[in-house]
Amino acid sequence: MTNKVAAAMSGGVDSSLTAALLLERDFEVIGVTMLLSDDEKNIVDAKKVCEHLRINHHVADFRKIFRTQVEDYFVAEYLRGRTPNPCVRCNREIKFGALFEFATSIGANFLATGHYAQIVFEDERFKLKRAVDERKDQSYVLYNLTADKLAKILLPLGNFSKSETRRLAEDLNSPVAKKPDSQEICFVPDDDYKSFIASRKPDAKALQTGNIVDADGKILGAHQGVANYTIGQRKGLGIAAPHPLYVTSLNVDNRQVVVGTNDKLFTATLTAHDVHWIYKPRLPKTLQAKIRYGSRLVECTVTEEKNFLRVTFAEPQRAVTPGQSIVFYDGAEVLGGAIINSN
């Protein structure tokens, strides 16, 4: 096997440093930028970096598959009253799906990205582990990787903090060393997901007005569309109450946003579907899990049902949200994950 690697280059500092570090390790590096929309600014920046590093640059046009697999999925989930994580979906279908195949088609033996996570070879197998900098750790969004792909993926930033990445990029005179990090959802202009969804499906039932109700069905106010709310939300409800109220569930069919007090947001169990294991443990088993990207690891017992997983937590969890991913860890290692269905 040769040491040719396709480096996914978004035009940002992380992916640019990834390519530079691989060159220092004597890999033959090819820069590849995904075209996901009609905005080509990132392609221009990535091309500058490739010219600076004196490596070849390819553009992979994934606009069609990105729209169908990520954007349409994102919209459909919100219209079902769920809250998706588009980065999880993109990593599965695009970065480590279509892009992985593209890298192979141009003769690369490896695909490298700027994710903050680690792939290590231990106990005679490759393992996906959390990054050294836990504040920047992105292992949560990578749980759909497979054991076979782990052997062909390089994540050079897993041992660095973000500040170290910036410093190294400046030391290497990277053209994008001072470029700010991208924020929020890359395909949603101004992070206005409500307008984005309305532009795609303006007549959807989940965007129609309806009632805000309590658990007994008592009408407390009106809302502007179920898709505009998420579990645990407090701000923007526009209702007066003697105590704080939060969104506890969403009912698209009845066009209802159900609210309750904070204690109603806690649950000790959930079910999850669309299960993916990198390495499947013998179930039932006690593991650690995250119920959203920014949450802390909590102990839980995972049991396998016919078509889903049942998860019981050692302590009740707040605002378990259908559509988000639950990701399972054994210490620092990611074993797999699933999409939360209900509590």
Protein backbone atom coordinates (compact mmCIF):
# COMPACT_ATOMS: atom_id res chain seq x y z
CA MET A 1 0.00 0.00 0.00
CA THR A 2 1.25 3.47 -0.89
CA ASN A 3 0.91 6.48 1.36
CA LYS A 4 -1.38 8.58 -0.85
CA VAL A 5 -4.01 10.43 1.18
CA ALA A 6 -6.92 12.62 0.15
CA ALA A 7 -7.27 15.48 2.63
CA ALA A 8 -10.79 16.89 2.91
CA MET A 9 -10.23 20.64 2.68
CA SER A 10 -13.00 23.07 3.54
CA GLY A 11 -10.85 26.17 3.34
CA GLY A 12 -10.72 26.42 7.14
CA VAL A 13 -7.78 26.28 9.51
CA ASP A 14 -8.42 22.73 10.79
CA SER A 15 -8.48 20.99 7.43
CA SER A 16 -5.62 23.12 6.14
CA LEU A 17 -3.39 22.15 9.06
CA THR A 18 -4.42 18.53 8.57
CA ALA A 19 -2.95 18.57 5.06
CA ALA A 20 0.22 20.31 6.23
CA LEU A 21 0.81 17.82 9.06
CA LEU A 22 0.40 14.90 6.68
CA LEU A 23 3.00 16.39 4.34
CA GLU A 24 5.39 16.60 7.29
CA ARG A 25 4.77 12.89 7.86
CA ASP A 26 5.82 12.21 4.25
CA PHE A 27 2.38 11.35 2.93
CA GLU A 28 1.55 12.09 -0.69
CA VAL A 29 -1.32 14.53 -0.11
CA ILE A 30 -4.13 15.46 -2.48
CA GLY A 31 -6.49 18.24 -1.46
CA VAL A 32 -10.20 17.60 -2.05
CA THR A 33 -12.95 20.15 -1.50
CA MET A 34 -16.61 19.24 -1.53
CA LEU A 35 -18.91 21.55 -3.48
CA LEU A 36 -22.11 21.44 -1.43
CA SER A 37 -23.82 24.64 -2.61
CA ASP A 38 -23.48 27.30 -5.27
CA ASP A 39 -21.26 29.37 -2.95
CA GLU A 40 -17.67 28.68 -3.97
CA LYS A 41 -15.88 30.85 -1.38
CA ASN A 42 -14.56 27.85 0.55
CA ILE A 43 -13.25 26.35 -2.68
CA VAL A 44 -11.27 29.53 -3.35
CA ASP A 45 -9.73 29.43 0.14
CA ALA A 46 -8.93 25.71 -0.11
CA LYS A 47 -7.27 26.25 -3.49
CA LYS A 48 -5.07 28.98 -1.96
CA VAL A 49 -3.96 26.59 0.75
CA CYS A 50 -3.20 23.83 -1.76
CA GLU A 51 -1.12 26.26 -3.82
CA HIS A 52 0.71 27.29 -0.64
CA LEU A 53 1.40 23.63 0.20
CA ARG A 54 2.19 22.79 -3.43
CA ILE A 55 -0.27 19.94 -3.64
CA ASN A 56 -2.91 19.08 -6.21
CA HIS A 57 -6.47 20.21 -5.59
CA HIS A 58 -9.70 18.49 -6.64
CA VAL A 59 -13.30 19.64 -6.35
CA ALA A 60 -15.99 17.00 -5.80
CA ASP A 61 -19.46 18.23 -6.78
CA PHE A 62 -21.81 16.74 -4.19
CA ARG A 63 -24.55 19.37 -4.43
CA LYS A 64 -27.23 16.90 -5.51
CA ILE A 65 -26.51 14.18 -2.95
CA PHE A 66 -26.00 16.75 -0.20
CA ARG A 67 -29.41 18.23 -0.88
CA THR A 68 -31.19 14.88 -0.89
CA GLN A 69 -29.31 13.17 1.93
CA VAL A 70 -28.68 16.08 4.31
CA GLU A 71 -30.84 19.11 3.56
CA ASP A 72 -34.02 17.20 2.70
CA TYR A 73 -33.49 14.92 5.72
CA PHE A 74 -33.02 18.01 7.94
CA VAL A 75 -36.27 19.55 6.71
CA ALA A 76 -38.24 16.29 6.91
CA GLU A 77 -37.22 15.65 10.51
CA TYR A 78 -38.27 19.11 11.67
CA LEU A 79 -41.59 18.67 9.88
CA ARG A 80 -42.09 15.47 11.91
CA GLY A 81 -41.62 17.43 15.14
CA ARG A 82 -38.09 16.12 15.65
CA THR A 83 -34.73 17.89 16.05
CA PRO A 84 -32.07 16.35 13.77
CA ASN A 85 -28.29 16.61 13.90
CA PRO A 86 -27.29 17.29 10.28
CA CYS A 87 -23.55 16.86 11.01
CA VAL A 88 -24.12 13.22 11.98
CA ARG A 89 -26.02 12.67 8.76
CA CYS A 90 -23.42 14.50 6.65
CA ASN A 91 -20.56 12.48 8.08
CA ARG A 92 -22.36 9.23 7.32
CA GLU A 93 -23.61 10.00 3.82
CA ILE A 94 -21.22 12.63 2.50
CA LYS A 95 -17.80 12.94 4.18
CA PHE A 96 -17.31 9.26 4.95
CA GLY A 97 -19.67 8.07 2.24
CA ALA A 98 -19.49 9.91 -1.08
CA LEU A 99 -16.17 11.62 -0.31
CA PHE A 100 -14.60 8.39 0.88
CA GLU A 101 -15.58 6.79 -2.44
CA PHE A 102 -14.26 9.80 -4.37
CA ALA A 103 -10.92 9.56 -2.56
CA THR A 104 -10.65 5.92 -3.57
CA SER A 105 -11.53 6.79 -7.19
CA ILE A 106 -8.57 9.20 -7.47
CA GLY A 107 -6.14 6.62 -6.14
CA ALA A 108 -5.95 7.61 -2.47
CA ASN A 109 -5.36 4.91 0.12
CA PHE A 110 -6.53 7.10 3.00
CA LEU A 111 -9.01 9.90 3.67
CA ALA A 112 -8.00 12.55 6.20
CA THR A 113 -10.24 15.13 7.86
CA GLY A 114 -9.82 17.88 10.42
CA HIS A 115 -12.09 16.31 13.01
CA TYR A 116 -10.98 16.44 16.64
CA ALA A 117 -11.06 12.73 17.47
CA GLN A 118 -8.56 9.89 17.54
CA ILE A 119 -8.21 6.61 15.68
CA VAL A 120 -5.80 4.29 17.44
CA PHE A 121 -4.74 0.69 16.90
CA GLU A 122 -5.13 -1.25 20.14
CA ASP A 123 -5.94 -4.84 21.02
CA GLU A 124 -5.41 -5.83 17.38
CA ARG A 125 -8.11 -3.50 16.06
CA PHE A 126 -8.65 0.13 15.16
CA LYS A 127 -10.65 2.15 17.68
CA LEU A 128 -12.37 5.54 17.47
CA LYS A 129 -11.67 7.54 20.61
CA ARG A 130 -12.40 10.96 22.04
CA ALA A 131 -9.97 13.79 21.28
CA VAL A 132 -7.35 14.80 23.83
CA ASP A 133 -9.06 18.22 24.07
CA GLU A 134 -12.46 17.14 25.39
CA ARG A 135 -13.90 20.64 24.92
CA LYS A 136 -13.32 20.33 21.18
CA ASP A 137 -14.00 16.59 20.90
CA GLN A 138 -16.03 15.63 17.82
CA SER A 139 -16.15 11.85 18.24
CA TYR A 140 -19.90 12.13 18.88
CA VAL A 141 -20.63 12.95 15.23
CA LEU A 142 -18.44 10.11 13.92
CA TYR A 143 -20.24 7.11 15.41
CA ASN A 144 -21.45 5.93 11.98
CA LEU A 145 -17.93 4.99 10.91
CA THR A 146 -17.20 1.31 10.34
CA ALA A 147 -14.36 -0.87 11.56
CA ASP A 148 -13.11 -1.25 7.98
CA LYS A 149 -13.10 2.50 7.32
CA LEU A 150 -11.27 3.30 10.56
CA ALA A 151 -8.20 1.60 9.05
CA LYS A 152 -8.30 4.02 6.11
CA ILE A 153 -9.08 7.30 7.88
CA LEU A 154 -6.53 9.72 9.35
CA LEU A 155 -7.42 12.31 12.01
CA PRO A 156 -4.20 14.24 12.68
CA LEU A 157 -5.80 16.84 14.99
CA GLY A 158 -6.99 14.41 17.65
CA ASN A 159 -3.99 15.15 19.88
CA PHE A 160 -4.21 18.94 19.63
CA SER A 161 -6.19 21.67 21.31
CA LYS A 162 -7.75 24.37 19.16
CA SER A 163 -5.21 26.93 20.38
CA GLU A 164 -2.38 24.61 19.38
CA THR A 165 -3.96 24.20 15.94
CA ARG A 166 -4.06 27.97 15.46
CA ARG A 167 -0.46 28.35 16.60
CA LEU A 168 0.80 25.59 14.32
CA ALA A 169 -1.10 27.05 11.36
CA GLU A 170 0.49 30.44 11.98
CA ASP A 171 3.95 28.85 12.32
CA LEU A 172 3.42 27.24 8.92
CA ASN A 173 2.24 30.56 7.43
CA SER A 174 -1.08 29.05 6.39
CA PRO A 175 -3.14 31.52 4.29
CA VAL A 176 -6.18 30.79 6.49
CA ALA A 177 -4.47 30.70 9.90
CA LYS A 178 -6.60 33.59 11.19
CA LYS A 179 -9.83 32.60 9.44
CA PRO A 180 -12.65 32.35 12.00
CA ASP A 181 -14.25 28.98 12.64
CA SER A 182 -17.50 28.26 10.84
CA GLN A 183 -20.50 28.32 13.14
CA GLU A 184 -23.85 26.57 13.34
CA ILE A 185 -25.32 24.76 10.33
CA CYS A 186 -23.29 25.29 7.18
CA PHE A 187 -26.21 25.19 4.72
CA VAL A 188 -28.66 27.38 6.68
CA PRO A 189 -28.18 31.11 5.91
CA ASP A 190 -27.74 33.24 9.05
CA ASP A 191 -28.62 30.17 11.15
CA ASP A 192 -32.29 30.92 10.41
CA TYR A 193 -33.48 27.32 10.12
CA LYS A 194 -37.14 28.37 10.38
CA SER A 195 -36.94 30.41 7.17
CA PHE A 196 -34.91 27.65 5.51
CA ILE A 197 -37.57 25.03 6.26
CA ALA A 198 -40.38 27.37 5.17
CA SER A 199 -38.60 28.03 1.87
CA ARG A 200 -38.60 24.29 1.13
CA LYS A 201 -42.02 23.24 2.42
CA PRO A 202 -44.14 26.38 2.95
CA ASP A 203 -47.45 24.50 3.19
CA ALA A 204 -46.31 21.85 5.66
CA LYS A 205 -48.62 21.13 8.59
CA ALA A 206 -45.75 21.57 11.05
CA LEU A 207 -45.44 25.21 9.95
CA GLN A 208 -49.11 26.03 10.51
CA THR A 209 -50.29 27.93 13.56
CA GLY A 210 -51.73 26.03 16.48
CA ASN A 211 -52.11 25.94 20.24
CA ILE A 212 -49.65 25.83 23.10
CA VAL A 213 -51.19 23.52 25.70
CA ASP A 214 -50.33 22.00 29.05
CA ALA A 215 -50.24 18.26 29.75
CA ASP A 216 -54.02 18.25 30.35
CA GLY A 217 -54.72 19.91 27.01
CA LYS A 218 -55.59 23.33 28.44
CA ILE A 219 -54.87 26.05 25.88
CA LEU A 220 -52.28 28.53 27.16
CA GLY A 221 -51.49 30.42 23.97
CA ALA A 222 -50.79 30.19 20.26
CA HIS A 223 -47.69 29.20 18.29
CA GLN A 224 -46.42 29.84 14.75
CA GLY A 225 -45.71 26.22 13.80
CA VAL A 226 -44.58 23.10 15.67
CA ALA A 227 -41.37 22.95 13.61
CA ASN A 228 -40.24 26.20 15.21
CA TYR A 229 -39.86 24.59 18.64
CA THR A 230 -37.68 21.98 20.28
CA ILE A 231 -37.77 19.98 23.49
CA GLY A 232 -36.56 21.97 26.50
CA GLN A 233 -37.16 25.36 24.88
CA ARG A 234 -38.25 28.16 27.21
CA LYS A 235 -37.65 31.40 25.31
CA GLY A 236 -40.04 32.58 22.65
CA LEU A 237 -43.18 30.85 23.95
CA GLY A 238 -45.00 34.14 24.47
CA ILE A 239 -47.21 32.90 27.29
CA ALA A 240 -47.61 34.20 30.82
CA ALA A 241 -47.43 31.76 33.73
CA PRO A 242 -46.68 31.95 37.47
CA HIS A 243 -43.65 29.66 36.96
CA PRO A 244 -41.26 28.94 34.07
CA LEU A 245 -42.64 26.66 31.35
CA TYR A 246 -40.70 24.59 28.85
CA VAL A 247 -41.56 22.63 25.73
CA THR A 248 -42.01 19.00 26.82
CA SER A 249 -43.37 17.44 23.61
CA LEU A 250 -44.49 18.28 20.07
CA ASN A 251 -47.60 16.98 18.33
CA VAL A 252 -47.59 17.72 14.61
CA ASP A 253 -50.89 15.94 13.85
CA ASN A 254 -52.78 18.11 16.34
CA ARG A 255 -50.58 21.16 15.74
CA GLN A 256 -49.84 21.34 19.48
CA VAL A 257 -46.79 22.46 21.41
CA VAL A 258 -47.05 20.88 24.87
CA VAL A 259 -45.40 22.69 27.78
CA GLY A 260 -44.73 21.91 31.42
CA THR A 261 -42.51 22.67 34.37
CA ASN A 262 -38.81 21.85 34.39
CA ASP A 263 -39.28 18.61 36.34
CA LYS A 264 -41.38 17.23 33.46
CA LEU A 265 -38.29 17.36 31.22
CA PHE A 266 -36.44 14.61 33.10
CA THR A 267 -36.58 10.95 32.16
CA ALA A 268 -34.53 7.90 33.10
CA THR A 269 -35.22 5.94 29.90
CA LEU A 270 -35.36 6.35 26.14
CA THR A 271 -35.71 4.25 23.02
CA ALA A 272 -33.57 4.68 19.90
CA HIS A 273 -33.66 3.36 16.34
CA ASP A 274 -31.40 3.43 13.25
CA VAL A 275 -28.74 1.71 15.36
CA HIS A 276 -25.14 1.57 14.19
CA TRP A 277 -22.31 -0.20 15.99
CA ILE A 278 -18.64 0.18 15.12
CA TYR A 279 -18.07 -2.69 17.52
CA LYS A 280 -21.19 -4.21 18.98
CA PRO A 281 -20.89 -5.19 22.64
CA ARG A 282 -22.74 -8.11 24.14
CA LEU A 283 -26.06 -6.67 25.30
CA PRO A 284 -27.41 -5.84 27.78
CA LYS A 285 -24.38 -3.87 28.91
CA THR A 286 -23.54 -0.88 31.05
CA LEU A 287 -21.88 1.86 29.00
CA GLN A 288 -21.53 5.63 29.00
CA ALA A 289 -23.52 7.79 26.59
CA LYS A 290 -24.11 11.32 25.31
CA ILE A 291 -27.65 12.31 24.35
CA ARG A 292 -26.51 15.37 22.37
CA TYR A 293 -23.26 16.82 21.06
CA GLY A 294 -22.59 19.13 24.00
CA SER A 295 -23.82 16.93 26.83
CA ARG A 296 -21.65 15.13 29.35
CA LEU A 297 -21.11 11.39 29.44
CA VAL A 298 -23.54 9.54 31.70
CA GLU A 299 -23.73 5.91 32.72
CA CYS A 300 -26.52 3.84 31.22
CA THR A 301 -27.64 0.27 30.61
CA VAL A 302 -28.33 -0.62 26.98
CA THR A 303 -30.81 -3.39 26.13
CA GLU A 304 -31.63 -4.64 22.64
CA GLU A 305 -35.27 -4.97 21.60
CA LYS A 306 -36.54 -6.27 18.25
CA ASN A 307 -35.93 -3.16 16.12
CA PHE A 308 -34.57 -0.65 18.61
CA LEU A 309 -32.52 -0.08 21.71
CA ARG A 310 -33.85 0.68 25.18
CA VAL A 311 -31.55 2.80 27.30
CA THR A 312 -31.88 3.21 31.07
CA PHE A 313 -29.78 5.92 32.71
CA ALA A 314 -28.20 5.80 36.15
CA GLU A 315 -29.63 9.29 36.72
CA PRO A 316 -32.55 11.01 34.93
CA GLN A 317 -31.62 13.07 31.85
CA ARG A 318 -33.06 16.44 30.94
CA ALA A 319 -34.70 17.25 27.61
CA VAL A 320 -34.21 13.96 25.79
CA THR A 321 -34.92 15.04 22.22
CA PRO A 322 -36.27 12.81 19.41
CA GLY A 323 -34.12 13.15 16.29
CA GLN A 324 -30.87 13.70 18.16
CA SER A 325 -28.26 10.94 18.40
CA ILE A 326 -27.36 8.96 21.47
CA VAL A 327 -23.72 7.86 21.23
CA PHE A 328 -22.27 5.05 23.31
CA TYR A 329 -18.78 5.02 24.80
CA ASP A 330 -16.72 2.44 26.63
CA GLY A 331 -14.29 4.74 28.40
CA ALA A 332 -12.73 6.88 25.68
CA GLU A 333 -13.79 4.56 22.85
CA VAL A 334 -16.87 5.15 20.68
CA LEU A 335 -18.75 1.88 20.20
CA GLY A 336 -21.68 3.20 18.19
CA GLY A 337 -24.90 5.12 18.40
CA ALA A 338 -28.54 5.50 17.36
CA ILE A 339 -31.25 8.09 16.71
CA ILE A 340 -33.39 8.93 19.73
CA ASN A 341 -37.01 8.00 19.19
CA SER A 342 -38.80 8.72 22.46
CA ASN A 343 -38.46 8.59 26.22
